[in-house]
Amino acid sequence: MPENEWQRSSFCGGGGNNCIETLPQNGLVLMRESQDPEAIISVTPEQLAAFIQGAKAGEYDHLT
């Protein structure tokens, strides 16, 4: 993947406008929502891994 190219999950729905996009940069992971690409947050790889682990375990199922 070229540097500075946002990555979307293959699970994106809604014609590509309902996606979380990620970009590794300077030891952090930048994240944005495809419907509002100007709103960017940054997390450490460890924070992202903990979130993904929680999502896989169903910790956030009550939000959907």
Protein backbone atom coordinates (compact mmCIF):
# COMPACT_ATOMS: atom_id res chain seq x y z
CA MET A 1 0.00 0.00 0.00
CA PRO A 2 1.44 3.40 -0.92
CA GLU A 3 2.34 5.72 1.96
CA ASN A 4 -0.45 8.14 2.96
CA GLU A 5 -3.20 6.06 1.34
CA TRP A 6 -6.27 5.56 3.53
CA GLN A 7 -7.38 1.93 3.85
CA ARG A 8 -11.01 0.80 3.96
CA SER A 9 -12.28 -2.51 5.19
CA SER A 10 -13.56 -4.97 2.63
CA PHE A 11 -16.73 -5.03 4.79
CA CYS A 12 -17.67 -1.40 3.99
CA GLY A 13 -21.33 -1.05 3.15
CA GLY A 14 -23.55 1.56 1.57
CA GLY A 15 -21.56 1.99 -1.62
CA GLY A 16 -18.36 2.91 0.21
CA ASN A 17 -19.87 5.82 2.15
CA ASN A 18 -20.32 3.95 5.41
CA CYS A 19 -16.74 3.11 6.27
CA ILE A 20 -14.06 3.65 8.84
CA GLU A 21 -10.75 4.37 7.14
CA THR A 22 -7.31 3.96 8.70
CA LEU A 23 -3.85 5.31 7.95
CA PRO A 24 -0.70 4.41 9.88
CA GLN A 25 1.42 7.52 10.43
CA ASN A 26 4.31 8.36 12.78
CA GLY A 27 3.67 5.39 15.09
CA LEU A 28 -0.06 6.13 15.39
CA VAL A 29 -3.14 4.96 13.53
CA LEU A 30 -5.24 7.78 12.11
CA MET A 31 -8.95 7.02 11.74
CA ARG A 32 -11.77 8.80 9.97
CA GLU A 33 -15.33 8.10 8.93
CA SER A 34 -15.87 8.21 5.18
CA GLN A 35 -18.91 10.49 5.46
CA ASP A 36 -16.87 13.11 7.36
CA PRO A 37 -13.25 12.70 6.20
CA GLU A 38 -12.10 15.97 7.81
CA ALA A 39 -12.79 14.61 11.33
CA ILE A 40 -9.70 12.54 12.11
CA ILE A 41 -8.77 10.89 15.40
CA SER A 42 -5.51 9.19 16.27
CA VAL A 43 -4.92 6.14 18.44
CA THR A 44 -1.94 3.98 19.25
CA PRO A 45 -1.76 0.57 17.62
CA GLU A 46 -2.29 -0.92 21.09
CA GLN A 47 -5.49 1.10 21.64
CA LEU A 48 -6.82 0.02 18.25
CA ALA A 49 -5.95 -3.62 18.99
CA ALA A 50 -7.80 -3.43 22.33
CA PHE A 51 -10.87 -1.95 20.61
CA ILE A 52 -10.86 -4.62 17.91
CA GLN A 53 -10.48 -7.36 20.51
CA GLY A 54 -13.45 -5.94 22.43
CA ALA A 55 -15.53 -5.72 19.26
CA LYS A 56 -14.75 -9.33 18.39
CA ALA A 57 -15.74 -10.36 21.91
CA GLY A 58 -19.12 -8.61 21.54
CA GLU A 59 -18.49 -5.87 24.12
CA TYR A 60 -20.13 -3.26 21.88
CA ASP A 61 -23.01 -5.32 20.49
CA HIS A 62 -25.49 -3.36 22.60
CA LEU A 63 -24.68 -0.25 20.54
CA THR A 64 -26.06 -1.68 17.31
